[in-house]
Amino acid sequence: MLGKKEIKDNDIDSVIGSTVKIEGNFSGKGDVIVEGVVNGSLKTTKNLSVGEGAKITANVASKNALIAGVITGDIHIEDNLEILATAIIEGNIETDTLSIAPGAQLSGNIKTALKKDSVAQKTVPTLETEEKPE
């Protein structure tokens, strides 16, 4: 899972600080940290971290994400999504792996196990019980 220790200072491509407000489409190829406000769309090919004070009204896409703030919009995370207790999400979520902390507020549909080789998507044969003759 994405954690603060996994985002190193030299890996951070963009920081949207707590006093910054972005209107429009934001796209990046590196790690993105959001502490401020984003309205529009937000996409990165790497990791996304949404701080506790962040407010995003946008569709969001990234490889991995850690969410502690507010997101209104659909979320598509390629690998791992970690939702912390302070998060409030109103929108549909698609991700391969999902972790939700107690206290997080979610409203929308959730679809997990997106990868084709995921265990959850493999067909499991029905267990047949052997009947004993009487």
C-alpha atoms as a PDB file:
ATOM      1  CA  MET A   1       0.000   0.000   0.000  1.00  0.00           C
ATOM      2  CA  LEU A   2       0.958   3.587  -0.499  1.00  0.00           C
ATOM      3  CA  GLY A   3       2.165   5.172   2.675  1.00  0.00           C
ATOM      4  CA  LYS A   4       3.945   8.376   3.595  1.00  0.00           C
ATOM      5  CA  LYS A   5       7.233   6.475   3.775  1.00  0.00           C
ATOM      6  CA  GLU A   6       6.801   5.371   0.147  1.00  0.00           C
ATOM      7  CA  ILE A   7       6.723   8.932  -1.212  1.00  0.00           C
ATOM      8  CA  LYS A   8      10.252  10.288  -1.009  1.00  0.00           C
ATOM      9  CA  ASP A   9      11.010  13.998  -1.459  1.00  0.00           C
ATOM     10  CA  ASN A  10      12.895  13.385  -4.714  1.00  0.00           C
ATOM     11  CA  ASP A  11       9.921  11.417  -6.137  1.00  0.00           C
ATOM     12  CA  ILE A  12       7.395  14.228  -5.618  1.00  0.00           C
ATOM     13  CA  ASP A  13       6.518  15.909  -8.898  1.00  0.00           C
ATOM     14  CA  SER A  14       3.836  18.338  -7.681  1.00  0.00           C
ATOM     15  CA  VAL A  15       2.505  19.680  -4.403  1.00  0.00           C
ATOM     16  CA  ILE A  16      -0.797  21.520  -4.338  1.00  0.00           C
ATOM     17  CA  GLY A  17      -0.432  23.375  -1.044  1.00  0.00           C
ATOM     18  CA  SER A  18      -3.170  24.188   1.434  1.00  0.00           C
ATOM     19  CA  THR A  19      -3.479  27.775   0.127  1.00  0.00           C
ATOM     20  CA  VAL A  20      -3.642  26.723  -3.552  1.00  0.00           C
ATOM     21  CA  LYS A  21      -6.846  26.353  -5.585  1.00  0.00           C
ATOM     22  CA  ILE A  22      -6.753  24.784  -9.058  1.00  0.00           C
ATOM     23  CA  GLU A  23      -9.617  25.175 -11.527  1.00  0.00           C
ATOM     24  CA  GLY A  24      -9.384  22.925 -14.596  1.00  0.00           C
ATOM     25  CA  ASN A  25      -7.601  19.754 -15.623  1.00  0.00           C
ATOM     26  CA  PHE A  26      -4.458  18.781 -13.726  1.00  0.00           C
ATOM     27  CA  SER A  27      -2.247  16.067 -15.224  1.00  0.00           C
ATOM     28  CA  GLY A  28       1.136  14.816 -14.039  1.00  0.00           C
ATOM     29  CA  LYS A  29       3.595  11.971 -14.532  1.00  0.00           C
ATOM     30  CA  GLY A  30       5.050  11.899 -11.024  1.00  0.00           C
ATOM     31  CA  ASP A  31       3.877  11.699  -7.433  1.00  0.00           C
ATOM     32  CA  VAL A  32       1.293  14.355  -6.530  1.00  0.00           C
ATOM     33  CA  ILE A  33       0.399  15.624  -3.063  1.00  0.00           C
ATOM     34  CA  VAL A  34      -2.821  17.610  -2.649  1.00  0.00           C
ATOM     35  CA  GLU A  35      -3.373  19.688   0.478  1.00  0.00           C
ATOM     36  CA  GLY A  36      -5.478  22.407  -1.196  1.00  0.00           C
ATOM     37  CA  VAL A  37      -8.484  22.590  -3.547  1.00  0.00           C
ATOM     38  CA  VAL A  38      -8.858  21.053  -7.011  1.00  0.00           C
ATOM     39  CA  ASN A  39     -11.936  21.538  -9.215  1.00  0.00           C
ATOM     40  CA  GLY A  40     -11.995  19.800 -12.618  1.00  0.00           C
ATOM     41  CA  SER A  41      -9.971  16.618 -13.109  1.00  0.00           C
ATOM     42  CA  LEU A  42      -6.825  15.221 -11.501  1.00  0.00           C
ATOM     43  CA  LYS A  43      -4.638  12.547 -13.099  1.00  0.00           C
ATOM     44  CA  THR A  44      -1.141  11.218 -12.465  1.00  0.00           C
ATOM     45  CA  THR A  45       0.639   8.113 -13.698  1.00  0.00           C
ATOM     46  CA  LYS A  46       2.228   7.559 -10.277  1.00  0.00           C
ATOM     47  CA  ASN A  47       1.123   8.068  -6.657  1.00  0.00           C
ATOM     48  CA  LEU A  48      -1.473  10.489  -5.293  1.00  0.00           C
ATOM     49  CA  SER A  49      -1.711  11.634  -1.689  1.00  0.00           C
ATOM     50  CA  VAL A  50      -4.769  13.667  -0.625  1.00  0.00           C
ATOM     51  CA  GLY A  51      -4.257  15.384   2.725  1.00  0.00           C
ATOM     52  CA  GLU A  52      -6.823  15.719   5.470  1.00  0.00           C
ATOM     53  CA  GLY A  53      -7.578  19.370   4.618  1.00  0.00           C
ATOM     54  CA  ALA A  54      -7.802  18.829   0.856  1.00  0.00           C
ATOM     55  CA  LYS A  55     -11.059  19.288  -1.057  1.00  0.00           C
ATOM     56  CA  ILE A  56     -11.290  17.822  -4.544  1.00  0.00           C
ATOM     57  CA  THR A  57     -14.304  18.163  -6.818  1.00  0.00           C
ATOM     58  CA  ALA A  58     -13.011  16.192  -9.771  1.00  0.00           C
ATOM     59  CA  ASN A  59     -12.639  12.794 -11.324  1.00  0.00           C
ATOM     60  CA  VAL A  60      -9.369  11.350 -10.056  1.00  0.00           C
ATOM     61  CA  ALA A  61      -6.994   8.777 -11.586  1.00  0.00           C
ATOM     62  CA  SER A  62      -3.580   7.477 -10.462  1.00  0.00           C
ATOM     63  CA  LYS A  63      -1.505   4.326 -10.002  1.00  0.00           C
ATOM     64  CA  ASN A  64      -1.798   4.302  -6.173  1.00  0.00           C
ATOM     65  CA  ALA A  65      -3.565   6.672  -3.781  1.00  0.00           C
ATOM     66  CA  LEU A  66      -3.774   7.564  -0.114  1.00  0.00           C
ATOM     67  CA  ILE A  67      -6.872   9.644   0.690  1.00  0.00           C
ATOM     68  CA  ALA A  68      -7.482  11.522   3.933  1.00  0.00           C
ATOM     69  CA  GLY A  69      -9.482  14.481   2.586  1.00  0.00           C
ATOM     70  CA  VAL A  70     -12.736  15.133   0.729  1.00  0.00           C
ATOM     71  CA  ILE A  71     -13.320  13.969  -2.857  1.00  0.00           C
ATOM     72  CA  THR A  72     -16.507  14.516  -4.839  1.00  0.00           C
ATOM     73  CA  GLY A  73     -16.135  12.663  -8.118  1.00  0.00           C
ATOM     74  CA  ASP A  74     -15.252   9.267  -9.519  1.00  0.00           C
ATOM     75  CA  ILE A  75     -11.956   7.652  -8.526  1.00  0.00           C
ATOM     76  CA  HIS A  76      -9.967   5.215 -10.690  1.00  0.00           C
ATOM     77  CA  ILE A  77      -6.823   3.794  -9.084  1.00  0.00           C
ATOM     78  CA  GLU A  78      -4.823   1.240 -11.051  1.00  0.00           C
ATOM     79  CA  ASP A  79      -3.294  -0.623  -8.088  1.00  0.00           C
ATOM     80  CA  ASN A  80      -3.781   0.262  -4.409  1.00  0.00           C
ATOM     81  CA  LEU A  81      -6.217   2.692  -2.800  1.00  0.00           C
ATOM     82  CA  GLU A  82      -5.972   3.430   0.914  1.00  0.00           C
ATOM     83  CA  ILE A  83      -8.807   5.467   2.437  1.00  0.00           C
ATOM     84  CA  LEU A  84      -8.086   6.897   5.878  1.00  0.00           C
ATOM     85  CA  ALA A  85     -10.588   7.542   8.688  1.00  0.00           C
ATOM     86  CA  THR A  86     -10.829  11.276   7.927  1.00  0.00           C
ATOM     87  CA  ALA A  87     -11.754  10.752   4.251  1.00  0.00           C
ATOM     88  CA  ILE A  88     -15.135  11.674   2.805  1.00  0.00           C
ATOM     89  CA  ILE A  89     -15.784  10.346  -0.698  1.00  0.00           C
ATOM     90  CA  GLU A  90     -18.885  10.896  -2.805  1.00  0.00           C
ATOM     91  CA  GLY A  91     -18.487   9.065  -6.098  1.00  0.00           C
ATOM     92  CA  ASN A  92     -17.750   5.712  -7.660  1.00  0.00           C
ATOM     93  CA  ILE A  93     -14.489   3.920  -6.909  1.00  0.00           C
ATOM     94  CA  GLU A  94     -12.585   1.496  -9.150  1.00  0.00           C
ATOM     95  CA  THR A  95      -9.322  -0.031  -7.925  1.00  0.00           C
ATOM     96  CA  ASP A  96      -7.469  -3.308  -7.760  1.00  0.00           C
ATOM     97  CA  THR A  97      -6.877  -3.317  -3.991  1.00  0.00           C
ATOM     98  CA  LEU A  98      -8.865  -1.297  -1.450  1.00  0.00           C
ATOM     99  CA  SER A  99      -8.249  -0.542   2.216  1.00  0.00           C
ATOM    100  CA  ILE A 100     -10.808   1.481   4.195  1.00  0.00           C
ATOM    101  CA  ALA A 101     -10.145   2.680   7.740  1.00  0.00           C
ATOM    102  CA  PRO A 102     -13.000   2.713  10.253  1.00  0.00           C
ATOM    103  CA  GLY A 103     -14.638   6.140  10.258  1.00  0.00           C
ATOM    104  CA  ALA A 104     -14.177   6.885   6.563  1.00  0.00           C
ATOM    105  CA  GLN A 105     -17.367   8.076   4.833  1.00  0.00           C
ATOM    106  CA  LEU A 106     -18.186   6.681   1.388  1.00  0.00           C
ATOM    107  CA  SER A 107     -21.161   7.207  -0.911  1.00  0.00           C
ATOM    108  CA  GLY A 108     -21.110   5.480  -4.292  1.00  0.00           C
ATOM    109  CA  ASN A 109     -20.359   2.177  -5.975  1.00  0.00           C
ATOM    110  CA  ILE A 110     -17.116   0.291  -5.421  1.00  0.00           C
ATOM    111  CA  LYS A 111     -15.478  -2.077  -7.903  1.00  0.00           C
ATOM    112  CA  THR A 112     -12.297  -3.911  -6.887  1.00  0.00           C
ATOM    113  CA  ALA A 113     -10.007  -6.594  -8.303  1.00  0.00           C
ATOM    114  CA  LEU A 114      -9.546  -4.855 -11.643  1.00  0.00           C
ATOM    115  CA  LYS A 115      -6.484  -6.803 -12.740  1.00  0.00           C
ATOM    116  CA  LYS A 116      -7.153  -9.849 -14.918  1.00  0.00           C
ATOM    117  CA  ASP A 117      -4.882 -12.095 -12.886  1.00  0.00           C
ATOM    118  CA  SER A 118      -6.481 -11.083  -9.605  1.00  0.00           C
ATOM    119  CA  VAL A 119      -7.591 -13.954  -7.371  1.00  0.00           C
ATOM    120  CA  ALA A 120     -11.038 -12.389  -6.947  1.00  0.00           C
ATOM    121  CA  GLN A 121     -11.721 -12.615 -10.672  1.00  0.00           C
ATOM    122  CA  LYS A 122     -10.593 -16.214 -11.174  1.00  0.00           C
ATOM    123  CA  THR A 123     -13.294 -18.805 -11.548  1.00  0.00           C
ATOM    124  CA  VAL A 124     -13.495 -21.083  -8.563  1.00  0.00           C
ATOM    125  CA  PRO A 125     -15.077 -24.477  -9.138  1.00  0.00           C
ATOM    126  CA  THR A 126     -18.117 -25.352  -7.079  1.00  0.00           C
ATOM    127  CA  LEU A 127     -17.333 -27.609  -4.171  1.00  0.00           C
ATOM    128  CA  GLU A 128     -19.232 -30.837  -4.619  1.00  0.00           C
ATOM    129  CA  THR A 129     -20.028 -32.805  -1.546  1.00  0.00           C
ATOM    130  CA  GLU A 130     -19.763 -36.512  -1.628  1.00  0.00           C
ATOM    131  CA  GLU A 131     -23.009 -38.228  -0.698  1.00  0.00           C
ATOM    132  CA  LYS A 132     -22.576 -41.273   1.470  1.00  0.00           C
ATOM    133  CA  PRO A 133     -24.657 -44.316   0.580  1.00  0.00           C
ATOM    134  CA  GLU A 134     -27.129 -45.328   3.273  1.00  0.00           C
END
